[in-house]
C-alpha atoms as a PDB file:
ATOM      1  CA  ILE A   1       0.000   0.000   0.000  1.00  0.00           C
ATOM      2  CA  HIS A   2       1.308   3.438  -0.996  1.00  0.00           C
ATOM      3  CA  VAL A   3      -0.823   6.035   0.768  1.00  0.00           C
ATOM      4  CA  GLU A   4       0.039   9.154  -1.226  1.00  0.00           C
ATOM      5  CA  GLU A   5       0.009   7.365  -4.585  1.00  0.00           C
ATOM      6  CA  ASP A   6      -3.344   5.716  -3.830  1.00  0.00           C
ATOM      7  CA  TRP A   7      -4.788   9.030  -2.659  1.00  0.00           C
ATOM      8  CA  ASN A   8      -3.776  10.755  -5.905  1.00  0.00           C
ATOM      9  CA  LYS A   9      -5.189   7.945  -8.073  1.00  0.00           C
ATOM     10  CA  ILE A  10      -8.538   7.847  -6.292  1.00  0.00           C
ATOM     11  CA  GLN A  11      -8.825  11.619  -6.425  1.00  0.00           C
ATOM     12  CA  ALA A  12      -8.236  11.440 -10.187  1.00  0.00           C
ATOM     13  CA  ALA A  13     -10.839   8.660 -10.467  1.00  0.00           C
ATOM     14  CA  ILE A  14     -13.444  10.812  -8.683  1.00  0.00           C
ATOM     15  CA  LYS A  15     -12.830  13.695 -11.082  1.00  0.00           C
ATOM     16  CA  GLN A  16     -13.070  11.346 -14.062  1.00  0.00           C
ATOM     17  CA  TYR A  17     -16.323   9.896 -12.723  1.00  0.00           C
ATOM     18  CA  ASP A  18     -17.869  13.322 -12.123  1.00  0.00           C
ATOM     19  CA  ASN A  19     -16.906  14.552 -15.602  1.00  0.00           C
ATOM     20  CA  ALA A  20     -17.737  11.328 -17.447  1.00  0.00           C
ATOM     21  CA  LEU A  21     -19.525  11.838 -20.766  1.00  0.00           C
ATOM     22  CA  VAL A  22     -21.735   8.853 -19.885  1.00  0.00           C
ATOM     23  CA  TRP A  23     -24.035  11.143 -17.895  1.00  0.00           C
ATOM     24  CA  GLN A  24     -24.460  13.558 -20.812  1.00  0.00           C
ATOM     25  CA  GLU A  25     -25.331  10.688 -23.137  1.00  0.00           C
ATOM     26  CA  MET A  26     -27.754   9.388 -20.513  1.00  0.00           C
ATOM     27  CA  ALA A  27     -29.554  12.740 -20.450  1.00  0.00           C
ATOM     28  CA  ILE A  28     -29.867  12.768 -24.256  1.00  0.00           C
ATOM     29  CA  LEU A  29     -31.039   9.160 -24.269  1.00  0.00           C
ATOM     30  CA  SER A  30     -33.695   9.885 -21.631  1.00  0.00           C
ATOM     31  CA  ARG A  31     -35.000  12.755 -23.725  1.00  0.00           C
ATOM     32  CA  ILE A  32     -35.175  10.616 -26.862  1.00  0.00           C
ATOM     33  CA  CYS A  33     -36.965   7.787 -25.046  1.00  0.00           C
ATOM     34  CA  TYR A  34     -39.489  10.241 -23.632  1.00  0.00           C
ATOM     35  CA  ARG A  35     -40.119  11.873 -27.003  1.00  0.00           C
ATOM     36  CA  TYR A  36     -40.767   8.602 -28.867  1.00  0.00           C
ATOM     37  CA  LYS A  37     -42.509   6.726 -26.042  1.00  0.00           C
ATOM     38  CA  ASN A  38     -46.080   6.974 -27.358  1.00  0.00           C
ATOM     39  CA  GLN A  39     -45.080   6.140 -30.911  1.00  0.00           C
ATOM     40  CA  LEU A  40     -42.630   3.249 -30.387  1.00  0.00           C
ATOM     41  CA  ARG A  41     -43.102   1.888 -26.883  1.00  0.00           C
ATOM     42  CA  ARG A  42     -44.293  -1.535 -28.131  1.00  0.00           C
ATOM     43  CA  ASP A  43     -41.382  -1.985 -30.557  1.00  0.00           C
ATOM     44  CA  LYS A  44     -38.445  -4.201 -29.595  1.00  0.00           C
ATOM     45  CA  HIS A  45     -35.727  -1.752 -30.624  1.00  0.00           C
ATOM     46  CA  TYR A  46     -37.308   0.965 -28.458  1.00  0.00           C
ATOM     47  CA  GLN A  47     -37.695  -1.416 -25.513  1.00  0.00           C
ATOM     48  CA  TYR A  48     -34.010  -2.355 -25.670  1.00  0.00           C
ATOM     49  CA  LEU A  49     -33.032   1.297 -25.955  1.00  0.00           C
ATOM     50  CA  LYS A  50     -35.180   2.035 -22.920  1.00  0.00           C
ATOM     51  CA  LYS A  51     -33.410  -0.790 -21.101  1.00  0.00           C
ATOM     52  CA  VAL A  52     -30.061   0.854 -21.867  1.00  0.00           C
ATOM     53  CA  GLU A  53     -31.385   4.137 -20.473  1.00  0.00           C
ATOM     54  CA  ARG A  54     -32.789   2.459 -17.342  1.00  0.00           C
ATOM     55  CA  LEU A  55     -29.539   0.615 -16.581  1.00  0.00           C
ATOM     56  CA  THR A  56     -27.437   3.724 -17.170  1.00  0.00           C
ATOM     57  CA  ARG A  57     -29.628   5.652 -14.749  1.00  0.00           C
ATOM     58  CA  ARG A  58     -29.201   2.850 -12.202  1.00  0.00           C
ATOM     59  CA  LEU A  59     -25.422   3.235 -12.593  1.00  0.00           C
ATOM     60  CA  TYR A  60     -25.772   6.969 -12.010  1.00  0.00           C
ATOM     61  CA  ASN A  61     -27.958   6.465  -8.921  1.00  0.00           C
ATOM     62  CA  LEU A  62     -25.231   4.400  -7.250  1.00  0.00           C
ATOM     63  CA  LYS A  63     -23.462   7.705  -6.528  1.00  0.00           C
ATOM     64  CA  MET A  64     -20.163   5.880  -6.438  1.00  0.00           C
ATOM     65  CA  ASN A  65     -18.292   9.183  -6.343  1.00  0.00           C
ATOM     66  CA  LEU A  66     -19.676   9.912  -2.856  1.00  0.00           C
ATOM     67  CA  THR A  67     -18.433   6.589  -1.478  1.00  0.00           C
ATOM     68  CA  LEU A  68     -15.027   7.116  -3.078  1.00  0.00           C
ATOM     69  CA  THR A  69     -14.899  10.601  -1.522  1.00  0.00           C
ATOM     70  CA  ASP A  70     -15.531   9.107   1.939  1.00  0.00           C
ATOM     71  CA  PHE A  71     -12.842   6.503   1.324  1.00  0.00           C
ATOM     72  CA  LEU A  72     -10.478   9.232   0.152  1.00  0.00           C
ATOM     73  CA  ALA A  73     -11.046  11.123   3.410  1.00  0.00           C
ATOM     74  CA  GLY A  74      -9.957   8.025   5.349  1.00  0.00           C
ATOM     75  CA  ILE A  75      -6.758   7.782   3.341  1.00  0.00           C
ATOM     76  CA  ALA A  76      -6.167  11.522   3.732  1.00  0.00           C
ATOM     77  CA  ARG A  77      -5.792  11.097   7.503  1.00  0.00           C
ATOM     78  CA  LEU A  78      -2.912   8.694   6.909  1.00  0.00           C
ATOM     79  CA  LYS A  79      -1.438  10.913   4.230  1.00  0.00           C
ATOM     80  CA  GLU A  80      -1.227  13.803   6.684  1.00  0.00           C
ATOM     81  CA  LEU A  81       0.656  11.803   9.343  1.00  0.00           C
ATOM     82  CA  PRO A  82       4.224  13.013   9.922  1.00  0.00           C
ATOM     83  CA  LYS A  83       6.971  10.567   9.124  1.00  0.00           C
ATOM     84  CA  SER A  84       7.959   8.987  12.426  1.00  0.00           C
ATOM     85  CA  THR A  85       9.844   6.025  13.796  1.00  0.00           C
ATOM     86  CA  ASP A  86       7.566   5.805  16.812  1.00  0.00           C
ATOM     87  CA  TRP A  87       6.005   2.367  16.305  1.00  0.00           C
ATOM     88  CA  ASN A  88       3.821   2.850  19.387  1.00  0.00           C
ATOM     89  CA  GLN A  89       1.899   5.623  17.654  1.00  0.00           C
ATOM     90  CA  THR A  90      -1.796   4.829  17.111  1.00  0.00           C
ATOM     91  CA  ILE A  91      -3.059   5.407  13.601  1.00  0.00           C
ATOM     92  CA  GLU A  92      -6.515   5.170  12.065  1.00  0.00           C
ATOM     93  CA  VAL A  93      -7.113   3.317   8.845  1.00  0.00           C
ATOM     94  CA  PRO A  94     -10.324   3.363   6.775  1.00  0.00           C
ATOM     95  CA  SER A  95     -12.879   1.179   8.545  1.00  0.00           C
ATOM     96  CA  CYS A  96     -13.626  -2.311   7.346  1.00  0.00           C
ATOM     97  CA  THR A  97     -17.229  -1.285   6.726  1.00  0.00           C
ATOM     98  CA  LEU A  98     -16.212   1.628   4.501  1.00  0.00           C
ATOM     99  CA  THR A  99     -13.648  -0.313   2.474  1.00  0.00           C
ATOM    100  CA  GLU A 100     -16.104  -3.183   2.070  1.00  0.00           C
ATOM    101  CA  LEU A 101     -18.839  -0.797   0.896  1.00  0.00           C
ATOM    102  CA  THR A 102     -16.432   0.828  -1.574  1.00  0.00           C
ATOM    103  CA  ALA A 103     -15.407  -2.536  -3.027  1.00  0.00           C
ATOM    104  CA  GLN A 104     -19.043  -3.667  -3.245  1.00  0.00           C
ATOM    105  CA  GLN A 105     -20.071  -0.505  -5.078  1.00  0.00           C
ATOM    106  CA  LEU A 106     -17.253  -0.952  -7.578  1.00  0.00           C
ATOM    107  CA  GLN A 107     -18.392  -4.549  -8.110  1.00  0.00           C
ATOM    108  CA  CYS A 108     -21.983  -3.409  -8.543  1.00  0.00           C
ATOM    109  CA  SER A 109     -20.891  -0.763 -11.060  1.00  0.00           C
ATOM    110  CA  ALA A 110     -18.989  -3.396 -13.014  1.00  0.00           C
ATOM    111  CA  SER A 111     -22.040  -5.675 -13.041  1.00  0.00           C
ATOM    112  CA  ILE A 112     -24.356  -2.891 -14.268  1.00  0.00           C
ATOM    113  CA  ILE A 113     -21.940  -1.815 -16.995  1.00  0.00           C
ATOM    114  CA  SER A 114     -21.743  -5.407 -18.201  1.00  0.00           C
ATOM    115  CA  LYS A 115     -25.547  -5.460 -18.475  1.00  0.00           C
ATOM    116  CA  ILE A 116     -25.523  -2.112 -20.307  1.00  0.00           C
ATOM    117  CA  GLN A 117     -23.024  -3.496 -22.821  1.00  0.00           C
ATOM    118  CA  GLU A 118     -25.243  -6.500 -23.491  1.00  0.00           C
ATOM    119  CA  ALA A 119     -28.296  -4.258 -23.896  1.00  0.00           C
ATOM    120  CA  ILE A 120     -26.386  -1.979 -26.275  1.00  0.00           C
ATOM    121  CA  THR A 121     -25.423  -4.989 -28.397  1.00  0.00           C
ATOM    122  CA  GLN A 122     -29.040  -6.159 -28.625  1.00  0.00           C
ATOM    123  CA  THR A 123     -30.234  -2.612 -29.320  1.00  0.00           C
ATOM    124  CA  PHE A 124     -27.804  -2.229 -32.202  1.00  0.00           C
ATOM    125  CA  ILE A 125     -28.886  -5.546 -33.717  1.00  0.00           C
ATOM    126  CA  TYR A 126     -32.548  -4.480 -33.701  1.00  0.00           C
ATOM    127  CA  ILE A 127     -31.634  -1.035 -35.032  1.00  0.00           C
ATOM    128  CA  CYS A 128     -29.795  -2.647 -37.961  1.00  0.00           C
ATOM    129  CA  THR A 129     -32.884  -4.737 -38.694  1.00  0.00           C
ATOM    130  CA  GLN A 130     -35.117  -1.677 -38.678  1.00  0.00           C
ATOM    131  CA  LEU A 131     -32.751   0.300 -40.896  1.00  0.00           C
ATOM    132  CA  SER A 132     -32.477  -2.554 -43.394  1.00  0.00           C
ATOM    133  CA  MET A 133     -36.269  -2.411 -43.778  1.00  0.00           C
ATOM    134  CA  GLY A 134     -36.328   1.374 -43.991  1.00  0.00           C
ATOM    135  CA  LEU A 135     -38.392   1.817 -40.823  1.00  0.00           C
ATOM    136  CA  PHE A 136     -38.193   4.813 -38.473  1.00  0.00           C
ATOM    137  CA  ILE A 137     -35.012   6.042 -40.159  1.00  0.00           C
ATOM    138  CA  GLN A 138     -34.629   9.219 -38.128  1.00  0.00           C
ATOM    139  CA  PHE A 139     -35.143   7.557 -34.758  1.00  0.00           C
ATOM    140  CA  ASN A 140     -32.918   4.553 -35.541  1.00  0.00           C
ATOM    141  CA  LEU A 141     -30.028   6.657 -36.828  1.00  0.00           C
ATOM    142  CA  LEU A 142     -30.206   8.816 -33.727  1.00  0.00           C
ATOM    143  CA  ALA A 143     -30.413   5.759 -31.468  1.00  0.00           C
ATOM    144  CA  ALA A 144     -27.428   4.154 -33.225  1.00  0.00           C
ATOM    145  CA  ALA A 145     -25.360   7.303 -32.700  1.00  0.00           C
ATOM    146  CA  ILE A 146     -26.254   7.465 -29.010  1.00  0.00           C
ATOM    147  CA  VAL A 147     -25.487   3.821 -28.191  1.00  0.00           C
ATOM    148  CA  SER A 148     -22.217   4.051 -30.143  1.00  0.00           C
ATOM    149  CA  ARG A 149     -21.055   7.073 -28.136  1.00  0.00           C
ATOM    150  CA  LEU A 150     -22.346   5.558 -24.901  1.00  0.00           C
ATOM    151  CA  ARG A 151     -20.376   2.377 -25.478  1.00  0.00           C
ATOM    152  CA  ASN A 152     -17.192   4.372 -26.078  1.00  0.00           C
ATOM    153  CA  CYS A 153     -17.777   6.326 -22.851  1.00  0.00           C
ATOM    154  CA  LEU A 154     -18.405   3.125 -20.893  1.00  0.00           C
ATOM    155  CA  THR A 155     -15.115   1.667 -22.138  1.00  0.00           C
ATOM    156  CA  GLU A 156     -13.285   4.557 -20.461  1.00  0.00           C
ATOM    157  CA  MET A 157     -15.312   4.086 -17.274  1.00  0.00           C
ATOM    158  CA  ILE A 158     -14.521   0.367 -17.217  1.00  0.00           C
ATOM    159  CA  ASP A 159     -10.788   1.139 -17.136  1.00  0.00           C
ATOM    160  CA  MET A 160     -11.303   3.613 -14.306  1.00  0.00           C
ATOM    161  CA  ILE A 161     -13.402   1.197 -12.224  1.00  0.00           C
ATOM    162  CA  GLU A 162     -10.952  -1.669 -12.686  1.00  0.00           C
ATOM    163  CA  GLU A 163      -7.972   0.458 -11.658  1.00  0.00           C
ATOM    164  CA  THR A 164      -9.818   1.890  -8.639  1.00  0.00           C
ATOM    165  CA  TYR A 165     -10.824  -1.587  -7.462  1.00  0.00           C
ATOM    166  CA  LYS A 166      -7.185  -2.706  -7.637  1.00  0.00           C
ATOM    167  CA  ILE A 167      -6.319   0.216  -5.341  1.00  0.00           C
ATOM    168  CA  VAL A 168      -9.137  -0.461  -2.853  1.00  0.00           C
ATOM    169  CA  TYR A 169      -8.524  -4.223  -2.717  1.00  0.00           C
ATOM    170  CA  PRO A 170      -5.279  -4.145  -0.613  1.00  0.00           C
ATOM    171  CA  TRP A 171      -6.914  -1.670   1.767  1.00  0.00           C
ATOM    172  CA  LEU A 172      -9.839  -4.045   2.181  1.00  0.00           C
ATOM    173  CA  ARG A 173      -7.563  -6.966   2.994  1.00  0.00           C
ATOM    174  CA  MET A 174      -5.628  -4.850   5.478  1.00  0.00           C
ATOM    175  CA  SER A 175      -8.756  -3.565   7.236  1.00  0.00           C
ATOM    176  CA  LYS A 176     -10.061  -7.145   7.523  1.00  0.00           C
ATOM    177  CA  ARG A 177      -6.801  -8.236   9.170  1.00  0.00           C
ATOM    178  CA  VAL A 178      -6.743  -5.242  11.520  1.00  0.00           C
ATOM    179  CA  GLN A 179     -10.272  -5.937  12.736  1.00  0.00           C
ATOM    180  CA  GLU A 180      -9.672  -9.707  12.659  1.00  0.00           C
ATOM    181  CA  LYS A 181     -12.545 -10.405  10.306  1.00  0.00           C
ATOM    182  CA  SER A 182     -12.696 -13.251   7.817  1.00  0.00           C
ATOM    183  CA  PHE A 183     -11.949 -12.455   4.181  1.00  0.00           C
ATOM    184  CA  LEU A 184     -13.705 -14.506   1.505  1.00  0.00           C
ATOM    185  CA  ILE A 185     -12.050 -14.415  -1.897  1.00  0.00           C
ATOM    186  CA  ALA A 186     -15.368 -15.545  -3.403  1.00  0.00           C
ATOM    187  CA  ASP A 187     -17.001 -12.295  -2.238  1.00  0.00           C
ATOM    188  CA  PHE A 188     -14.109 -10.046  -3.202  1.00  0.00           C
ATOM    189  CA  PRO A 189     -12.039 -11.325  -6.163  1.00  0.00           C
ATOM    190  CA  PRO A 190      -8.685  -9.616  -6.787  1.00  0.00           C
ATOM    191  CA  ASP A 191      -9.960  -7.992 -10.006  1.00  0.00           C
ATOM    192  CA  LEU A 192     -13.199  -7.282 -11.887  1.00  0.00           C
ATOM    193  CA  LYS A 193     -12.380  -8.881 -15.227  1.00  0.00           C
ATOM    194  CA  THR A 194     -15.035 -11.564 -14.805  1.00  0.00           C
ATOM    195  CA  TYR A 195     -17.762  -8.891 -14.768  1.00  0.00           C
ATOM    196  CA  PHE A 196     -17.029  -7.448 -18.172  1.00  0.00           C
ATOM    197  CA  ASN A 197     -17.783  -8.958 -21.571  1.00  0.00           C
ATOM    198  CA  SER A 198     -14.649  -8.967 -23.669  1.00  0.00           C
ATOM    199  CA  SER A 199     -14.753  -6.976 -26.889  1.00  0.00           C
ATOM    200  CA  SER A 200     -14.136 -10.192 -28.817  1.00  0.00           C
ATOM    201  CA  THR A 201     -17.334 -11.723 -27.375  1.00  0.00           C
ATOM    202  CA  ILE A 202     -19.430  -8.747 -28.464  1.00  0.00           C
ATOM    203  CA  THR A 203     -17.717  -8.747 -31.866  1.00  0.00           C
ATOM    204  CA  ARG A 204     -18.609 -12.411 -32.327  1.00  0.00           C
ATOM    205  CA  GLN A 205     -22.226 -11.827 -31.327  1.00  0.00           C
ATOM    206  CA  LEU A 206     -22.718  -9.096 -33.890  1.00  0.00           C
ATOM    207  CA  ASN A 207     -20.766 -10.770 -36.672  1.00  0.00           C
ATOM    208  CA  GLU A 208     -22.815 -13.956 -36.263  1.00  0.00           C
ATOM    209  CA  TYR A 209     -25.952 -11.884 -36.777  1.00  0.00           C
ATOM    210  CA  LEU A 210     -24.742 -10.039 -39.870  1.00  0.00           C
ATOM    211  CA  PRO A 211     -24.822 -11.405 -43.452  1.00  0.00           C
ATOM    212  CA  PRO A 212     -21.716 -13.272 -44.702  1.00  0.00           C
ATOM    213  CA  GLY A 213     -18.928 -10.921 -45.680  1.00  0.00           C
ATOM    214  CA  ASP A 214     -20.065  -8.093 -43.393  1.00  0.00           C
ATOM    215  CA  THR A 215     -18.062  -7.364 -40.240  1.00  0.00           C
ATOM    216  CA  TYR A 216     -19.554  -4.313 -38.601  1.00  0.00           C
ATOM    217  CA  LEU A 217     -17.608  -4.568 -35.398  1.00  0.00           C
ATOM    218  CA  ALA A 218     -13.956  -5.359 -36.000  1.00  0.00           C
ATOM    219  CA  PRO A 219     -12.476  -3.547 -34.184  1.00  0.00           C
ATOM    220  CA  ALA A 220     -15.183  -2.798 -31.632  1.00  0.00           C
ATOM    221  CA  ASN A 221     -17.627  -0.020 -32.537  1.00  0.00           C
ATOM    222  CA  LYS A 222     -16.730  -0.103 -36.231  1.00  0.00           C
ATOM    223  CA  GLY A 223     -20.245  -1.150 -37.168  1.00  0.00           C
ATOM    224  CA  MET A 224     -21.914   1.504 -35.049  1.00  0.00           C
ATOM    225  CA  GLU A 225     -19.589   4.195 -36.339  1.00  0.00           C
ATOM    226  CA  HIS A 226     -20.092   3.022 -39.936  1.00  0.00           C
ATOM    227  CA  THR A 227     -23.887   3.111 -39.591  1.00  0.00           C
ATOM    228  CA  THR A 228     -23.977   6.601 -38.102  1.00  0.00           C
ATOM    229  CA  SER A 229     -21.197   8.165 -40.193  1.00  0.00           C
ATOM    230  CA  GLN A 230     -23.026   7.380 -43.421  1.00  0.00           C
ATOM    231  CA  SER A 231     -26.070   9.385 -42.356  1.00  0.00           C
ATOM    232  CA  PRO A 232     -26.054  13.196 -42.753  1.00  0.00           C
ATOM    233  CA  MET A 233     -29.584  13.217 -41.326  1.00  0.00           C
ATOM    234  CA  LEU A 234     -28.137  13.109 -37.812  1.00  0.00           C
ATOM    235  CA  GLU A 235     -26.949  16.700 -38.088  1.00  0.00           C
ATOM    236  CA  SER A 236     -30.474  18.023 -38.669  1.00  0.00           C
ATOM    237  CA  ILE A 237     -32.406  16.042 -36.062  1.00  0.00           C
ATOM    238  CA  ASP A 238     -34.167  18.231 -33.536  1.00  0.00           C
ATOM    239  CA  LEU A 239     -34.298  16.756 -30.037  1.00  0.00           C
ATOM    240  CA  GLY A 240     -37.263  18.928 -29.160  1.00  0.00           C
END
């Protein structure tokens, strides 16, 4: 554990979380879903898009930045300690409850993002179907642009969450030892990789759906970017 280094990294993670473009895309998506609700609410592609919006809002409502701020305050007390060789000095470390809550929220965020990624994949598949039949062109092009940008934003957030969890994990183990509590590796794995779908899995899902010879998503997002970049209509769409 490196107190000052961990403090700086978590502070940077909080700033990144607060300024994440995911929340802007969520606001746009909510507005689009509200505008087209009466017209498309029974259609599959709208229902999947609404699922993306609902899961993204659930991620936002976790307020993970507040928990990280509390955890940062606990580290700050150690950071401010003077360097001393007095081993009898009593120091306070972040409580086991706080570190456990922080780790659980990071796990929960990872789980929700994984579900958002799956919903985005399904949404894009249905959007492609609608576009191929020439249905609801304006809405589907706009939806494709939003889920493409949202997926890019989530990729950045995934990196931040994984790195933050790696920082919190040693603190959690230490706090468990200090308070002599049992530590179950099944409840708190050393990393969050198992929560996230790999880009290759999503690529395979989309490429299996597409006609032979078409590879929309190699590398990831190529298909979404291709669909939206070919459509000048996006520039003139009024969100209302």
